[in-house]
Amino acid sequence: METLNINPTQKTPTIVLDPKQGIIEIKGRSHPENSAEFYRPVMNWLNDYSVRPSEKTTVNVQLELFNTSSSKCILDMFKKLESMHKSNYKVEVNWFYEDDDEDGLDAGENYKYMVGVPFNLIAI
């Protein structure tokens, strides 16, 4: 399985999905015109990865801004990770937010309560 790298634009985040290290990173802004289309390769990769994931998968999310449709796509990703976790694979999410960003903290807290994976809220 190959690493998936998506370069950032003004409206889309950097995404790195590394199966060998079990690292998933999303960083930047996420407000594409069509979130479902933008995140489709990510979900396809996750579907393939979930068949034979690394012993531990670490997810690092640092979004400074994201729209509602991106939020739904991110939740879908977390739900896929939750199913891996329920299958006894180690999954951990690190949700980074600016120390003074209450919306970022609230979003992280909401995801934390919606999905059953170890979820760390980290102020930066």
N, C-alpha and C. Protein backbone atom coordinates (compact mmCIF):
# COMPACT_ATOMS: atom_id res chain seq x y z
N MET A 1 0.84 -1.17 0.00
CA MET A 1 0.00 0.00 0.00
C MET A 1 0.89 1.24 0.00
N GLU A 2 0.52 2.21 -0.80
CA GLU A 2 1.32 3.42 -0.98
C GLU A 2 0.90 4.53 -0.02
N THR A 3 1.86 5.42 0.26
CA THR A 3 1.56 6.64 1.00
C THR A 3 0.76 7.56 0.09
N LEU A 4 -0.24 8.21 0.67
CA LEU A 4 -1.02 9.20 -0.07
C LEU A 4 -0.64 10.58 0.45
N ASN A 5 -0.17 11.43 -0.45
CA ASN A 5 0.17 12.82 -0.13
C ASN A 5 -0.73 13.73 -0.95
N ILE A 6 -1.42 14.64 -0.26
CA ILE A 6 -2.22 15.65 -0.94
C ILE A 6 -1.66 17.00 -0.53
N ASN A 7 -1.20 17.76 -1.52
CA ASN A 7 -0.63 19.07 -1.25
C ASN A 7 -1.71 20.09 -0.95
N PRO A 8 -1.40 21.06 -0.10
CA PRO A 8 -2.40 22.06 0.27
C PRO A 8 -2.65 23.08 -0.83
N THR A 9 -3.82 23.67 -0.75
CA THR A 9 -4.16 24.83 -1.59
C THR A 9 -4.70 25.89 -0.64
N GLN A 10 -5.19 26.97 -1.19
CA GLN A 10 -5.81 28.00 -0.35
C GLN A 10 -7.03 27.46 0.40
N LYS A 11 -7.68 26.44 -0.19
CA LYS A 11 -8.93 25.94 0.37
C LYS A 11 -8.86 24.51 0.91
N THR A 12 -7.73 23.84 0.73
CA THR A 12 -7.64 22.44 1.15
C THR A 12 -6.38 22.20 1.98
N PRO A 13 -6.45 21.24 2.90
CA PRO A 13 -5.33 20.98 3.80
C PRO A 13 -4.26 20.07 3.18
N THR A 14 -3.12 20.07 3.83
CA THR A 14 -2.11 19.06 3.57
C THR A 14 -2.62 17.76 4.17
N ILE A 15 -2.53 16.68 3.43
CA ILE A 15 -2.91 15.37 3.97
C ILE A 15 -1.80 14.38 3.63
N VAL A 16 -1.34 13.68 4.66
CA VAL A 16 -0.35 12.63 4.49
C VAL A 16 -0.89 11.38 5.17
N LEU A 17 -0.99 10.31 4.41
CA LEU A 17 -1.47 9.03 4.91
C LEU A 17 -0.36 8.01 4.67
N ASP A 18 0.35 7.65 5.72
CA ASP A 18 1.53 6.79 5.61
C ASP A 18 1.24 5.43 6.24
N PRO A 19 1.03 4.41 5.42
CA PRO A 19 0.65 3.10 5.96
C PRO A 19 1.79 2.40 6.70
N LYS A 20 3.01 2.64 6.29
CA LYS A 20 4.15 1.95 6.92
C LYS A 20 4.37 2.42 8.34
N GLN A 21 4.20 3.72 8.58
CA GLN A 21 4.38 4.27 9.93
C GLN A 21 3.08 4.34 10.70
N GLY A 22 1.96 4.13 10.03
CA GLY A 22 0.66 4.22 10.69
C GLY A 22 0.33 5.65 11.10
N ILE A 23 0.71 6.59 10.24
CA ILE A 23 0.50 8.00 10.53
C ILE A 23 -0.50 8.59 9.53
N ILE A 24 -1.46 9.33 10.07
CA ILE A 24 -2.41 10.09 9.26
C ILE A 24 -2.33 11.53 9.74
N GLU A 25 -2.03 12.45 8.82
CA GLU A 25 -1.90 13.86 9.19
C GLU A 25 -2.76 14.73 8.29
N ILE A 26 -3.48 15.64 8.93
CA ILE A 26 -4.31 16.61 8.21
C ILE A 26 -4.01 17.97 8.83
N LYS A 27 -3.59 18.90 8.01
CA LYS A 27 -3.17 20.19 8.56
C LYS A 27 -3.49 21.33 7.59
N GLY A 28 -4.08 22.40 8.13
CA GLY A 28 -4.33 23.58 7.31
C GLY A 28 -5.78 24.00 7.34
N ARG A 29 -6.26 24.41 6.17
CA ARG A 29 -7.65 24.86 6.01
C ARG A 29 -8.41 23.86 5.15
N SER A 30 -9.65 23.61 5.52
CA SER A 30 -10.45 22.68 4.74
C SER A 30 -11.82 23.29 4.46
N HIS A 31 -11.90 23.94 3.32
CA HIS A 31 -13.19 24.44 2.85
C HIS A 31 -13.23 24.36 1.33
N PRO A 32 -13.08 23.11 0.82
CA PRO A 32 -13.14 22.92 -0.64
C PRO A 32 -14.55 23.14 -1.17
N GLU A 33 -14.63 23.37 -2.47
CA GLU A 33 -15.94 23.55 -3.12
C GLU A 33 -16.81 22.31 -2.93
N ASN A 34 -16.18 21.13 -3.06
CA ASN A 34 -16.90 19.86 -2.93
C ASN A 34 -16.11 18.96 -1.98
N SER A 35 -16.46 18.99 -0.72
CA SER A 35 -15.71 18.23 0.29
C SER A 35 -15.75 16.72 0.03
N ALA A 36 -16.90 16.21 -0.36
CA ALA A 36 -17.00 14.77 -0.61
C ALA A 36 -16.03 14.34 -1.70
N GLU A 37 -15.92 15.13 -2.74
CA GLU A 37 -15.00 14.81 -3.83
C GLU A 37 -13.55 14.93 -3.36
N PHE A 38 -13.25 15.99 -2.61
CA PHE A 38 -11.88 16.18 -2.12
C PHE A 38 -11.45 15.03 -1.20
N TYR A 39 -12.33 14.63 -0.29
CA TYR A 39 -11.98 13.59 0.69
C TYR A 39 -12.18 12.16 0.18
N ARG A 40 -12.72 11.98 -1.02
CA ARG A 40 -12.94 10.64 -1.56
C ARG A 40 -11.65 9.80 -1.60
N PRO A 41 -10.52 10.33 -2.11
CA PRO A 41 -9.30 9.51 -2.11
C PRO A 41 -8.84 9.15 -0.70
N VAL A 42 -9.10 10.03 0.25
CA VAL A 42 -8.73 9.76 1.64
C VAL A 42 -9.57 8.60 2.18
N MET A 43 -10.87 8.63 1.93
CA MET A 43 -11.75 7.55 2.39
C MET A 43 -11.42 6.23 1.68
N ASN A 44 -11.12 6.30 0.38
CA ASN A 44 -10.73 5.09 -0.34
C ASN A 44 -9.46 4.49 0.26
N TRP A 45 -8.49 5.36 0.55
CA TRP A 45 -7.24 4.91 1.16
C TRP A 45 -7.53 4.28 2.52
N LEU A 46 -8.35 4.95 3.34
CA LEU A 46 -8.68 4.42 4.67
C LEU A 46 -9.39 3.07 4.58
N ASN A 47 -10.28 2.92 3.61
CA ASN A 47 -10.97 1.63 3.43
C ASN A 47 -9.97 0.52 3.14
N ASP A 48 -9.00 0.80 2.27
CA ASP A 48 -7.96 -0.19 1.96
C ASP A 48 -7.06 -0.44 3.17
N TYR A 49 -6.66 0.65 3.82
CA TYR A 49 -5.76 0.56 4.98
C TYR A 49 -6.40 -0.23 6.12
N SER A 50 -7.68 -0.08 6.32
CA SER A 50 -8.35 -0.72 7.45
C SER A 50 -8.36 -2.24 7.35
N VAL A 51 -8.11 -2.77 6.16
CA VAL A 51 -8.06 -4.23 5.99
C VAL A 51 -6.81 -4.80 6.66
N ARG A 52 -5.68 -4.07 6.54
CA ARG A 52 -4.42 -4.51 7.14
C ARG A 52 -3.66 -3.29 7.68
N PRO A 53 -4.18 -2.68 8.75
CA PRO A 53 -3.54 -1.47 9.27
C PRO A 53 -2.25 -1.78 10.03
N SER A 54 -1.50 -0.74 10.31
CA SER A 54 -0.32 -0.87 11.17
C SER A 54 -0.76 -1.29 12.56
N GLU A 55 0.18 -1.75 13.34
CA GLU A 55 -0.13 -2.15 14.71
C GLU A 55 -0.76 -0.99 15.48
N LYS A 56 -0.25 0.22 15.23
CA LYS A 56 -0.81 1.42 15.85
C LYS A 56 -0.98 2.49 14.78
N THR A 57 -2.12 3.16 14.80
CA THR A 57 -2.38 4.26 13.88
C THR A 57 -2.52 5.53 14.71
N THR A 58 -1.70 6.53 14.36
CA THR A 58 -1.75 7.82 15.02
C THR A 58 -2.27 8.84 14.03
N VAL A 59 -3.30 9.56 14.45
CA VAL A 59 -3.95 10.56 13.59
C VAL A 59 -3.68 11.93 14.20
N ASN A 60 -3.03 12.81 13.44
CA ASN A 60 -2.74 14.16 13.87
C ASN A 60 -3.55 15.13 13.02
N VAL A 61 -4.46 15.86 13.65
CA VAL A 61 -5.32 16.81 12.94
C VAL A 61 -5.06 18.20 13.51
N GLN A 62 -4.70 19.11 12.61
CA GLN A 62 -4.47 20.50 13.01
C GLN A 62 -5.11 21.39 11.96
N LEU A 63 -6.40 21.63 12.13
CA LEU A 63 -7.14 22.45 11.17
C LEU A 63 -7.41 23.82 11.76
N GLU A 64 -7.00 24.84 11.05
CA GLU A 64 -7.26 26.20 11.54
C GLU A 64 -8.65 26.68 11.14
N LEU A 65 -9.22 26.05 10.11
CA LEU A 65 -10.53 26.43 9.62
C LEU A 65 -11.10 25.27 8.81
N PHE A 66 -12.38 24.96 9.02
CA PHE A 66 -13.02 23.94 8.17
C PHE A 66 -14.51 24.22 8.12
N ASN A 67 -15.10 23.91 6.95
CA ASN A 67 -16.52 24.17 6.75
C ASN A 67 -17.35 22.97 7.19
N THR A 68 -18.66 23.13 7.15
CA THR A 68 -19.57 22.10 7.63
C THR A 68 -19.44 20.81 6.83
N SER A 69 -19.30 20.92 5.52
CA SER A 69 -19.20 19.69 4.71
C SER A 69 -17.87 18.98 4.98
N SER A 70 -16.82 19.72 5.25
CA SER A 70 -15.55 19.09 5.64
C SER A 70 -15.70 18.39 6.99
N SER A 71 -16.44 19.02 7.90
CA SER A 71 -16.67 18.44 9.21
C SER A 71 -17.32 17.06 9.09
N LYS A 72 -18.27 16.93 8.19
CA LYS A 72 -18.94 15.64 7.95
C LYS A 72 -17.94 14.61 7.43
N CYS A 73 -17.08 15.01 6.51
CA CYS A 73 -16.08 14.10 5.95
C CYS A 73 -15.09 13.66 7.02
N ILE A 74 -14.70 14.59 7.88
CA ILE A 74 -13.78 14.27 8.97
C ILE A 74 -14.43 13.29 9.93
N LEU A 75 -15.71 13.50 10.24
CA LEU A 75 -16.43 12.56 11.09
C LEU A 75 -16.48 11.18 10.44
N ASP A 76 -16.69 11.11 9.14
CA ASP A 76 -16.69 9.82 8.44
C ASP A 76 -15.34 9.12 8.59
N MET A 77 -14.25 9.89 8.50
CA MET A 77 -12.92 9.31 8.70
C MET A 77 -12.78 8.77 10.12
N PHE A 78 -13.22 9.56 11.09
CA PHE A 78 -13.12 9.12 12.48
C PHE A 78 -13.97 7.88 12.73
N LYS A 79 -15.12 7.78 12.08
CA LYS A 79 -15.97 6.59 12.23
C LYS A 79 -15.27 5.34 11.67
N LYS A 80 -14.54 5.51 10.56
CA LYS A 80 -13.79 4.39 10.00
C LYS A 80 -12.68 3.98 10.97
N LEU A 81 -12.02 4.96 11.56
CA LEU A 81 -10.99 4.67 12.55
C LEU A 81 -11.59 4.00 13.80
N GLU A 82 -12.80 4.40 14.16
CA GLU A 82 -13.48 3.79 15.29
C GLU A 82 -13.73 2.30 15.02
N SER A 83 -14.11 1.97 13.80
CA SER A 83 -14.35 0.56 13.49
C SER A 83 -13.05 -0.24 13.56
N MET A 84 -11.94 0.39 13.18
CA MET A 84 -10.63 -0.28 13.33
C MET A 84 -10.33 -0.50 14.80
N HIS A 85 -10.58 0.52 15.62
CA HIS A 85 -10.33 0.44 17.05
C HIS A 85 -11.17 -0.67 17.68
N LYS A 86 -12.41 -0.79 17.25
CA LYS A 86 -13.30 -1.83 17.78
C LYS A 86 -12.85 -3.22 17.35
N SER A 87 -12.03 -3.28 16.29
CA SER A 87 -11.47 -4.56 15.82
C SER A 87 -10.12 -4.83 16.47
N ASN A 88 -9.87 -4.14 17.59
CA ASN A 88 -8.66 -4.34 18.40
C ASN A 88 -7.37 -3.83 17.79
N TYR A 89 -7.47 -2.87 16.89
CA TYR A 89 -6.27 -2.17 16.42
C TYR A 89 -6.12 -0.91 17.25
N LYS A 90 -4.87 -0.54 17.53
CA LYS A 90 -4.62 0.66 18.31
C LYS A 90 -4.76 1.89 17.41
N VAL A 91 -5.63 2.79 17.83
CA VAL A 91 -5.86 4.03 17.11
C VAL A 91 -5.86 5.16 18.12
N GLU A 92 -5.16 6.24 17.80
CA GLU A 92 -5.13 7.40 18.67
C GLU A 92 -5.24 8.66 17.83
N VAL A 93 -6.12 9.57 18.24
CA VAL A 93 -6.29 10.85 17.54
C VAL A 93 -5.72 11.96 18.40
N ASN A 94 -4.89 12.79 17.79
CA ASN A 94 -4.39 14.01 18.41
C ASN A 94 -5.03 15.18 17.69
N TRP A 95 -5.88 15.91 18.39
CA TRP A 95 -6.58 17.07 17.82
C TRP A 95 -5.88 18.32 18.33
N PHE A 96 -5.16 18.99 17.46
CA PHE A 96 -4.43 20.19 17.83
C PHE A 96 -5.29 21.42 17.54
N TYR A 97 -5.28 22.37 18.47
CA TYR A 97 -6.03 23.60 18.28
C TYR A 97 -5.23 24.75 18.91
N GLU A 98 -5.42 25.93 18.38
CA GLU A 98 -4.76 27.11 18.93
C GLU A 98 -5.28 27.34 20.35
N ASP A 99 -4.39 27.70 21.25
CA ASP A 99 -4.72 27.87 22.65
C ASP A 99 -5.92 28.80 22.88
N ASP A 100 -6.07 29.81 22.03
CA ASP A 100 -7.16 30.78 22.21
C ASP A 100 -8.33 30.53 21.25
N ASP A 101 -8.36 29.37 20.62
CA ASP A 101 -9.40 29.05 19.64
C ASP A 101 -10.48 28.17 20.28
N GLU A 102 -11.50 28.82 20.83
CA GLU A 102 -12.57 28.07 21.49
C GLU A 102 -13.36 27.20 20.52
N ASP A 103 -13.54 27.69 19.28
CA ASP A 103 -14.25 26.89 18.28
C ASP A 103 -13.48 25.61 17.95
N GLY A 104 -12.16 25.72 17.84
CA GLY A 104 -11.32 24.54 17.57
C GLY A 104 -11.40 23.54 18.70
N LEU A 105 -11.37 24.05 19.94
CA LEU A 105 -11.50 23.17 21.10
C LEU A 105 -12.88 22.52 21.12
N ASP A 106 -13.93 23.29 20.88
CA ASP A 106 -15.29 22.75 20.87
C ASP A 106 -15.45 21.66 19.81
N ALA A 107 -14.90 21.91 18.63
CA ALA A 107 -14.99 20.90 17.56
C ALA A 107 -14.30 19.62 17.99
N GLY A 108 -13.12 19.74 18.57
CA GLY A 108 -12.39 18.57 19.04
C GLY A 108 -13.17 17.82 20.12
N GLU A 109 -13.75 18.57 21.05
CA GLU A 109 -14.54 17.93 22.10
C GLU A 109 -15.75 17.20 21.51
N ASN A 110 -16.40 17.81 20.53
CA ASN A 110 -17.54 17.16 19.90
C ASN A 110 -17.14 15.85 19.23
N TYR A 111 -16.04 15.88 18.47
CA TYR A 111 -15.58 14.64 17.83
C TYR A 111 -15.22 13.60 18.89
N LYS A 112 -14.56 14.04 19.94
CA LYS A 112 -14.14 13.12 21.00
C LYS A 112 -15.32 12.35 21.56
N TYR A 113 -16.46 13.03 21.73
CA TYR A 113 -17.63 12.38 22.29
C TYR A 113 -18.44 11.59 21.26
N MET A 114 -18.21 11.87 19.98
CA MET A 114 -18.96 11.16 18.93
C MET A 114 -18.31 9.85 18.51
N VAL A 115 -17.01 9.72 18.72
CA VAL A 115 -16.31 8.51 18.27
C VAL A 115 -15.61 7.83 19.43
N GLY A 116 -15.60 6.54 19.38
CA GLY A 116 -15.01 5.76 20.46
C GLY A 116 -13.57 5.37 20.18
N VAL A 117 -12.70 6.38 20.12
CA VAL A 117 -11.26 6.13 20.00
C VAL A 117 -10.54 7.03 21.01
N PRO A 118 -9.37 6.64 21.48
CA PRO A 118 -8.60 7.54 22.33
C PRO A 118 -8.36 8.85 21.59
N PHE A 119 -8.71 9.94 22.23
CA PHE A 119 -8.76 11.24 21.56
C PHE A 119 -8.12 12.29 22.46
N ASN A 120 -7.01 12.85 22.03
CA ASN A 120 -6.29 13.85 22.82
C ASN A 120 -6.54 15.24 22.25
N LEU A 121 -6.92 16.15 23.13
CA LEU A 121 -7.09 17.55 22.76
C LEU A 121 -5.84 18.29 23.19
N ILE A 122 -5.12 18.86 22.22
CA ILE A 122 -3.81 19.44 22.50
C ILE A 122 -3.76 20.90 22.08
N ALA A 123 -3.62 21.79 23.07
CA ALA A 123 -3.50 23.23 22.78
C ALA A 123 -2.07 23.53 22.33
N ILE A 124 -1.98 24.36 21.30
CA ILE A 124 -0.65 24.75 20.82
C ILE A 124 -0.50 26.27 20.81
